[in-house]
Amino acid sequence: MAEQMQFDLPYRAAMGREDFFLSPCNAVAVTGIDAWPHWPMAKMILIGPEGAGKTHLAHMFCAQAEATICAARDLSEAQLPNLMEAPAIAIEDCQEIAGDTKREELLFHLHNSAAARHAPLLLTARDKPETWGISLPDLDSRLRQSDLLRLEAPDDAALMAVTVKLAQDRGLSLPASVLHYALPRMERSFTAAMAFVIALDKSALSEGKSPSLSHARAILNDVD
């Protein structure tokens, strides 16, 4: 059978609170996000590996605090006035602007504006601020003074739930046989789960079939 033409169609990840799977690896971070009205100095840094749920928790914070969200790499002078007037702010992937003098300065001004207004500020990153390599000393010192929430490496329940959610976000229904085969053989990370689901989607789509155990075997054998 000829392979079907593939299209990289956009998909919308479900970011509601009801879509977030609570487990021991993320319970502390979720509790910390819920406590946003009581954050010390009205700011918090949420850290964790790629795909761990930082964006999902950031959107949960935005829903609760009526916050405006922006990726750090997208910070610009044109955006700054609106961000400075927002009742709360979430800035994602802050480690990506390390060494970018202009965006470091913008984040510094945004931080100071939020502090002066007592507007809650959530920053996300893969690790704690001292590892980012921020070159602006005043910004670096303020970031290091922030409290941290950490998303831990996934346990079995969280890894399964995230794999199912990533598949649902792409409109896929995973048979139990696929999950039971794949999870013990995957790298224990959310990034690996994401890569597996994307590969499964493309493989099944190329054949015009639903995801199956044979697709999972082929993908994981390629990884091996």
C-alpha atoms as a PDB file:
ATOM      1  CA  MET A   1       0.000   0.000   0.000  1.00  0.00           C
ATOM      2  CA  ALA A   2       1.375   3.405  -0.970  1.00  0.00           C
ATOM      3  CA  GLU A   3       2.251   5.766   1.832  1.00  0.00           C
ATOM      4  CA  GLN A   4      -0.218   8.579   2.374  1.00  0.00           C
ATOM      5  CA  MET A   5       0.799  12.211   2.095  1.00  0.00           C
ATOM      6  CA  GLN A   6       1.622  13.654   5.530  1.00  0.00           C
ATOM      7  CA  PHE A   7       0.846  17.128   6.812  1.00  0.00           C
ATOM      8  CA  ASP A   8       2.251  18.671   9.986  1.00  0.00           C
ATOM      9  CA  LEU A   9      -1.088  19.955  11.254  1.00  0.00           C
ATOM     10  CA  PRO A  10      -1.163  22.263  14.289  1.00  0.00           C
ATOM     11  CA  TYR A  11      -2.686  20.878  17.445  1.00  0.00           C
ATOM     12  CA  ARG A  12      -3.870  22.548  20.623  1.00  0.00           C
ATOM     13  CA  ALA A  13      -2.623  21.170  23.912  1.00  0.00           C
ATOM     14  CA  ALA A  14      -5.208  20.954  26.673  1.00  0.00           C
ATOM     15  CA  MET A  15      -4.030  23.306  29.425  1.00  0.00           C
ATOM     16  CA  GLY A  16      -6.894  23.299  31.930  1.00  0.00           C
ATOM     17  CA  ARG A  17      -6.525  22.256  35.540  1.00  0.00           C
ATOM     18  CA  GLU A  18      -8.675  19.194  34.888  1.00  0.00           C
ATOM     19  CA  ASP A  19      -6.135  18.108  32.234  1.00  0.00           C
ATOM     20  CA  PHE A  20      -3.167  18.090  34.619  1.00  0.00           C
ATOM     21  CA  PHE A  21      -2.320  14.722  36.188  1.00  0.00           C
ATOM     22  CA  LEU A  22      -1.364  15.094  39.850  1.00  0.00           C
ATOM     23  CA  SER A  23       1.306  12.719  41.142  1.00  0.00           C
ATOM     24  CA  PRO A  24       4.092  12.722  43.776  1.00  0.00           C
ATOM     25  CA  CYS A  25       6.571  14.107  41.230  1.00  0.00           C
ATOM     26  CA  ASN A  26       4.591  17.324  40.751  1.00  0.00           C
ATOM     27  CA  ALA A  27       2.350  17.680  43.812  1.00  0.00           C
ATOM     28  CA  VAL A  28       4.617  20.189  45.590  1.00  0.00           C
ATOM     29  CA  ALA A  29       4.866  22.365  42.482  1.00  0.00           C
ATOM     30  CA  VAL A  30       1.084  22.335  41.982  1.00  0.00           C
ATOM     31  CA  THR A  31       0.536  23.319  45.607  1.00  0.00           C
ATOM     32  CA  GLY A  32       3.031  26.141  45.170  1.00  0.00           C
ATOM     33  CA  ILE A  33       1.284  27.452  42.060  1.00  0.00           C
ATOM     34  CA  ASP A  34      -2.068  27.388  43.874  1.00  0.00           C
ATOM     35  CA  ALA A  35      -0.491  29.471  46.646  1.00  0.00           C
ATOM     36  CA  TRP A  36       0.398  32.335  44.276  1.00  0.00           C
ATOM     37  CA  PRO A  37      -1.325  35.043  46.399  1.00  0.00           C
ATOM     38  CA  HIS A  38       1.166  34.257  49.170  1.00  0.00           C
ATOM     39  CA  TRP A  39       4.431  34.009  47.212  1.00  0.00           C
ATOM     40  CA  PRO A  40       7.375  35.742  48.956  1.00  0.00           C
ATOM     41  CA  MET A  41       8.013  39.073  47.205  1.00  0.00           C
ATOM     42  CA  ALA A  42       5.122  38.103  44.853  1.00  0.00           C
ATOM     43  CA  LYS A  43       7.387  36.087  42.561  1.00  0.00           C
ATOM     44  CA  MET A  44       8.310  32.462  41.906  1.00  0.00           C
ATOM     45  CA  ILE A  45      10.549  30.488  39.563  1.00  0.00           C
ATOM     46  CA  LEU A  46       9.248  27.134  38.328  1.00  0.00           C
ATOM     47  CA  ILE A  47      11.969  24.773  37.132  1.00  0.00           C
ATOM     48  CA  GLY A  48      11.992  21.311  35.600  1.00  0.00           C
ATOM     49  CA  PRO A  49      13.085  19.358  32.505  1.00  0.00           C
ATOM     50  CA  GLU A  50      11.623  19.909  29.067  1.00  0.00           C
ATOM     51  CA  GLY A  51       8.107  18.523  28.787  1.00  0.00           C
ATOM     52  CA  ALA A  52       7.664  18.229  32.563  1.00  0.00           C
ATOM     53  CA  GLY A  53       4.555  20.409  32.658  1.00  0.00           C
ATOM     54  CA  LYS A  54       5.946  23.906  33.240  1.00  0.00           C
ATOM     55  CA  THR A  55       3.840  25.432  30.475  1.00  0.00           C
ATOM     56  CA  HIS A  56       0.725  23.669  31.740  1.00  0.00           C
ATOM     57  CA  LEU A  57       1.284  24.981  35.278  1.00  0.00           C
ATOM     58  CA  ALA A  58       2.028  28.449  33.898  1.00  0.00           C
ATOM     59  CA  HIS A  59      -1.349  28.434  32.137  1.00  0.00           C
ATOM     60  CA  MET A  60      -3.042  27.255  35.335  1.00  0.00           C
ATOM     61  CA  PHE A  61      -1.444  30.216  37.121  1.00  0.00           C
ATOM     62  CA  CYS A  62      -2.641  32.560  34.370  1.00  0.00           C
ATOM     63  CA  ALA A  63      -6.200  31.289  34.724  1.00  0.00           C
ATOM     64  CA  GLN A  64      -6.151  31.844  38.484  1.00  0.00           C
ATOM     65  CA  ALA A  65      -4.301  35.169  38.591  1.00  0.00           C
ATOM     66  CA  GLU A  66      -5.564  36.644  35.302  1.00  0.00           C
ATOM     67  CA  ALA A  67      -1.949  36.762  34.198  1.00  0.00           C
ATOM     68  CA  THR A  68      -0.484  37.609  30.803  1.00  0.00           C
ATOM     69  CA  ILE A  69       1.965  34.991  29.491  1.00  0.00           C
ATOM     70  CA  CYS A  70       4.947  35.535  27.198  1.00  0.00           C
ATOM     71  CA  ALA A  71       8.000  33.535  26.123  1.00  0.00           C
ATOM     72  CA  ALA A  72      11.224  35.169  27.285  1.00  0.00           C
ATOM     73  CA  ARG A  73      12.672  34.976  23.761  1.00  0.00           C
ATOM     74  CA  ASP A  74       9.692  37.013  22.504  1.00  0.00           C
ATOM     75  CA  LEU A  75      10.164  39.910  24.920  1.00  0.00           C
ATOM     76  CA  SER A  76      10.290  43.223  23.097  1.00  0.00           C
ATOM     77  CA  GLU A  77      10.051  46.931  23.843  1.00  0.00           C
ATOM     78  CA  ALA A  78       6.666  47.007  22.112  1.00  0.00           C
ATOM     79  CA  GLN A  79       5.281  44.387  24.512  1.00  0.00           C
ATOM     80  CA  LEU A  80       6.682  45.889  27.674  1.00  0.00           C
ATOM     81  CA  PRO A  81       3.932  48.499  28.383  1.00  0.00           C
ATOM     82  CA  ASN A  82       1.156  45.888  28.215  1.00  0.00           C
ATOM     83  CA  LEU A  83       3.100  43.460  30.400  1.00  0.00           C
ATOM     84  CA  MET A  84       3.802  46.187  32.921  1.00  0.00           C
ATOM     85  CA  GLU A  85       0.066  46.889  33.213  1.00  0.00           C
ATOM     86  CA  ALA A  86      -1.016  43.248  33.521  1.00  0.00           C
ATOM     87  CA  PRO A  87      -2.366  42.192  36.950  1.00  0.00           C
ATOM     88  CA  ALA A  88       0.024  39.216  36.916  1.00  0.00           C
ATOM     89  CA  ILE A  89       2.741  37.962  34.553  1.00  0.00           C
ATOM     90  CA  ALA A  90       4.221  34.636  33.462  1.00  0.00           C
ATOM     91  CA  ILE A  91       7.454  34.522  31.462  1.00  0.00           C
ATOM     92  CA  GLU A  92       8.490  31.153  30.022  1.00  0.00           C
ATOM     93  CA  ASP A  93      11.896  29.589  29.284  1.00  0.00           C
ATOM     94  CA  CYS A  94      13.877  32.389  30.874  1.00  0.00           C
ATOM     95  CA  GLN A  95      17.192  30.567  30.483  1.00  0.00           C
ATOM     96  CA  GLU A  96      16.950  31.179  26.721  1.00  0.00           C
ATOM     97  CA  ILE A  97      17.727  34.909  27.027  1.00  0.00           C
ATOM     98  CA  ALA A  98      21.017  34.456  28.919  1.00  0.00           C
ATOM     99  CA  GLY A  99      23.622  36.600  27.167  1.00  0.00           C
ATOM    100  CA  ASP A 100      20.974  38.530  25.195  1.00  0.00           C
ATOM    101  CA  THR A 101      21.658  41.998  26.599  1.00  0.00           C
ATOM    102  CA  LYS A 102      18.462  43.609  25.314  1.00  0.00           C
ATOM    103  CA  ARG A 103      16.090  40.924  26.586  1.00  0.00           C
ATOM    104  CA  GLU A 104      17.899  40.670  29.910  1.00  0.00           C
ATOM    105  CA  GLU A 105      17.313  44.403  30.366  1.00  0.00           C
ATOM    106  CA  LEU A 106      13.645  44.031  29.429  1.00  0.00           C
ATOM    107  CA  LEU A 107      13.177  41.222  31.940  1.00  0.00           C
ATOM    108  CA  PHE A 108      14.954  43.334  34.579  1.00  0.00           C
ATOM    109  CA  HIS A 109      12.579  46.278  34.026  1.00  0.00           C
ATOM    110  CA  LEU A 110       9.585  43.944  33.988  1.00  0.00           C
ATOM    111  CA  HIS A 111      10.731  42.341  37.255  1.00  0.00           C
ATOM    112  CA  ASN A 112      11.132  45.724  38.939  1.00  0.00           C
ATOM    113  CA  SER A 113       7.766  46.959  37.671  1.00  0.00           C
ATOM    114  CA  ALA A 114       5.990  43.847  38.963  1.00  0.00           C
ATOM    115  CA  ALA A 115       7.720  44.165  42.328  1.00  0.00           C
ATOM    116  CA  ALA A 116       6.732  47.838  42.659  1.00  0.00           C
ATOM    117  CA  ARG A 117       3.095  46.983  41.878  1.00  0.00           C
ATOM    118  CA  HIS A 118       3.094  43.759  43.923  1.00  0.00           C
ATOM    119  CA  ALA A 119       1.951  42.005  40.746  1.00  0.00           C
ATOM    120  CA  PRO A 120       2.591  38.243  40.928  1.00  0.00           C
ATOM    121  CA  LEU A 121       5.415  37.181  38.602  1.00  0.00           C
ATOM    122  CA  LEU A 122       6.039  33.568  37.536  1.00  0.00           C
ATOM    123  CA  LEU A 123       9.211  32.668  35.646  1.00  0.00           C
ATOM    124  CA  THR A 124       9.859  29.215  34.186  1.00  0.00           C
ATOM    125  CA  ALA A 125      13.160  27.599  33.253  1.00  0.00           C
ATOM    126  CA  ARG A 126      14.865  24.236  33.036  1.00  0.00           C
ATOM    127  CA  ASP A 127      17.102  24.817  36.055  1.00  0.00           C
ATOM    128  CA  LYS A 128      17.828  27.294  38.840  1.00  0.00           C
ATOM    129  CA  PRO A 129      18.927  30.831  37.892  1.00  0.00           C
ATOM    130  CA  GLU A 130      22.597  30.436  38.786  1.00  0.00           C
ATOM    131  CA  THR A 131      22.950  27.981  35.890  1.00  0.00           C
ATOM    132  CA  TRP A 132      21.438  30.283  33.258  1.00  0.00           C
ATOM    133  CA  GLY A 133      24.480  32.481  32.641  1.00  0.00           C
ATOM    134  CA  ILE A 134      22.708  35.835  33.055  1.00  0.00           C
ATOM    135  CA  SER A 135      25.170  38.617  32.259  1.00  0.00           C
ATOM    136  CA  LEU A 136      23.268  41.548  33.844  1.00  0.00           C
ATOM    137  CA  PRO A 137      24.420  41.519  37.500  1.00  0.00           C
ATOM    138  CA  ASP A 138      21.337  43.262  38.942  1.00  0.00           C
ATOM    139  CA  LEU A 139      18.980  40.858  37.201  1.00  0.00           C
ATOM    140  CA  ASP A 140      21.081  37.845  38.190  1.00  0.00           C
ATOM    141  CA  SER A 141      21.057  38.827  41.860  1.00  0.00           C
ATOM    142  CA  ARG A 142      17.287  39.356  41.906  1.00  0.00           C
ATOM    143  CA  LEU A 143      16.641  36.014  40.226  1.00  0.00           C
ATOM    144  CA  ARG A 144      18.854  34.197  42.714  1.00  0.00           C
ATOM    145  CA  GLN A 145      16.803  35.674  45.557  1.00  0.00           C
ATOM    146  CA  SER A 146      13.578  34.158  44.179  1.00  0.00           C
ATOM    147  CA  ASP A 147      11.934  31.098  45.681  1.00  0.00           C
ATOM    148  CA  LEU A 148      11.846  27.953  43.538  1.00  0.00           C
ATOM    149  CA  LEU A 149       9.265  25.322  42.696  1.00  0.00           C
ATOM    150  CA  ARG A 150      10.689  22.171  41.135  1.00  0.00           C
ATOM    151  CA  LEU A 151       9.008  19.597  38.917  1.00  0.00           C
ATOM    152  CA  GLU A 152      10.735  16.287  39.598  1.00  0.00           C
ATOM    153  CA  ALA A 153      11.532  13.469  37.153  1.00  0.00           C
ATOM    154  CA  PRO A 154       8.381  11.516  36.273  1.00  0.00           C
ATOM    155  CA  ASP A 155       7.208   8.472  38.187  1.00  0.00           C
ATOM    156  CA  ASP A 156       5.459   5.637  36.326  1.00  0.00           C
ATOM    157  CA  ALA A 157       1.972   7.029  36.810  1.00  0.00           C
ATOM    158  CA  ALA A 158       2.936  10.508  35.635  1.00  0.00           C
ATOM    159  CA  LEU A 159       4.825   9.193  32.603  1.00  0.00           C
ATOM    160  CA  MET A 160       1.824   7.133  31.518  1.00  0.00           C
ATOM    161  CA  ALA A 161      -0.607  10.015  32.074  1.00  0.00           C
ATOM    162  CA  VAL A 162       1.568  12.473  30.142  1.00  0.00           C
ATOM    163  CA  THR A 163       1.983  10.032  27.252  1.00  0.00           C
ATOM    164  CA  VAL A 164      -1.790   9.574  27.053  1.00  0.00           C
ATOM    165  CA  LYS A 165      -2.359  13.348  27.254  1.00  0.00           C
ATOM    166  CA  LEU A 166       0.196  14.098  24.533  1.00  0.00           C
ATOM    167  CA  ALA A 167      -1.531  11.546  22.313  1.00  0.00           C
ATOM    168  CA  GLN A 168      -4.961  13.031  23.049  1.00  0.00           C
ATOM    169  CA  ASP A 169      -3.648  16.506  22.222  1.00  0.00           C
ATOM    170  CA  ARG A 170      -2.785  15.139  18.760  1.00  0.00           C
ATOM    171  CA  GLY A 171      -6.138  13.392  18.379  1.00  0.00           C
ATOM    172  CA  LEU A 172      -4.693   9.902  18.964  1.00  0.00           C
ATOM    173  CA  SER A 173      -6.201   7.108  21.009  1.00  0.00           C
ATOM    174  CA  LEU A 174      -3.482   4.785  22.343  1.00  0.00           C
ATOM    175  CA  PRO A 175      -4.378   1.120  22.824  1.00  0.00           C
ATOM    176  CA  ALA A 176      -3.406  -0.341  26.197  1.00  0.00           C
ATOM    177  CA  SER A 177      -1.075  -2.752  24.389  1.00  0.00           C
ATOM    178  CA  VAL A 178       0.936   0.182  22.998  1.00  0.00           C
ATOM    179  CA  LEU A 179       1.291   1.806  26.421  1.00  0.00           C
ATOM    180  CA  HIS A 180       2.242  -1.411  28.211  1.00  0.00           C
ATOM    181  CA  TYR A 181       4.857  -2.179  25.558  1.00  0.00           C
ATOM    182  CA  ALA A 182       6.317   1.306  25.193  1.00  0.00           C
ATOM    183  CA  LEU A 183       6.567   2.692  28.727  1.00  0.00           C
ATOM    184  CA  PRO A 184       9.062   0.122  30.125  1.00  0.00           C
ATOM    185  CA  ARG A 185      11.234   0.583  27.021  1.00  0.00           C
ATOM    186  CA  MET A 186      11.247   4.368  26.801  1.00  0.00           C
ATOM    187  CA  GLU A 187      13.761   6.692  28.405  1.00  0.00           C
ATOM    188  CA  ARG A 188      12.286   7.846  31.724  1.00  0.00           C
ATOM    189  CA  SER A 189      11.618  11.421  30.690  1.00  0.00           C
ATOM    190  CA  PHE A 190       8.763  13.562  29.432  1.00  0.00           C
ATOM    191  CA  THR A 191      10.893  14.533  26.431  1.00  0.00           C
ATOM    192  CA  ALA A 192      11.140  10.872  25.406  1.00  0.00           C
ATOM    193  CA  ALA A 193       7.368  10.484  25.790  1.00  0.00           C
ATOM    194  CA  MET A 194       6.840  13.497  23.543  1.00  0.00           C
ATOM    195  CA  ALA A 195       9.248  12.152  20.901  1.00  0.00           C
ATOM    196  CA  PHE A 196       7.545   8.741  20.995  1.00  0.00           C
ATOM    197  CA  VAL A 197       4.049  10.166  20.522  1.00  0.00           C
ATOM    198  CA  ILE A 198       5.162  12.381  17.617  1.00  0.00           C
ATOM    199  CA  ALA A 199       6.902   9.428  15.926  1.00  0.00           C
ATOM    200  CA  LEU A 200       3.870   7.209  16.520  1.00  0.00           C
ATOM    201  CA  ASP A 201       1.543   9.805  15.016  1.00  0.00           C
ATOM    202  CA  LYS A 202       3.695  10.189  11.892  1.00  0.00           C
ATOM    203  CA  SER A 203       4.162   6.438  11.459  1.00  0.00           C
ATOM    204  CA  ALA A 204       0.460   5.662  11.782  1.00  0.00           C
ATOM    205  CA  LEU A 205      -0.507   8.583   9.525  1.00  0.00           C
ATOM    206  CA  SER A 206       1.896   7.465   6.796  1.00  0.00           C
ATOM    207  CA  GLU A 207       0.036   4.141   6.609  1.00  0.00           C
ATOM    208  CA  GLY A 208      -3.430   5.588   7.078  1.00  0.00           C
ATOM    209  CA  LYS A 209      -3.958   3.455  10.166  1.00  0.00           C
ATOM    210  CA  SER A 210      -4.569   3.912  13.880  1.00  0.00           C
ATOM    211  CA  PRO A 211      -1.499   3.637  16.166  1.00  0.00           C
ATOM    212  CA  SER A 212      -0.722  -0.008  16.876  1.00  0.00           C
ATOM    213  CA  LEU A 213       1.717  -2.259  18.674  1.00  0.00           C
ATOM    214  CA  SER A 214       3.624  -2.821  15.435  1.00  0.00           C
ATOM    215  CA  HIS A 215       4.182   0.940  15.097  1.00  0.00           C
ATOM    216  CA  ALA A 216       5.438   1.155  18.677  1.00  0.00           C
ATOM    217  CA  ARG A 217       7.818  -1.773  18.159  1.00  0.00           C
ATOM    218  CA  ALA A 218       9.248  -0.241  14.990  1.00  0.00           C
ATOM    219  CA  ILE A 219       9.806   3.131  16.654  1.00  0.00           C
ATOM    220  CA  LEU A 220      11.462   1.767  19.777  1.00  0.00           C
ATOM    221  CA  ASN A 221      13.609  -0.643  17.777  1.00  0.00           C
ATOM    222  CA  ASP A 222      14.839   2.349  15.778  1.00  0.00           C
ATOM    223  CA  VAL A 223      15.681   4.122  19.037  1.00  0.00           C
ATOM    224  CA  ASP A 224      17.533   1.054  20.314  1.00  0.00           C
END
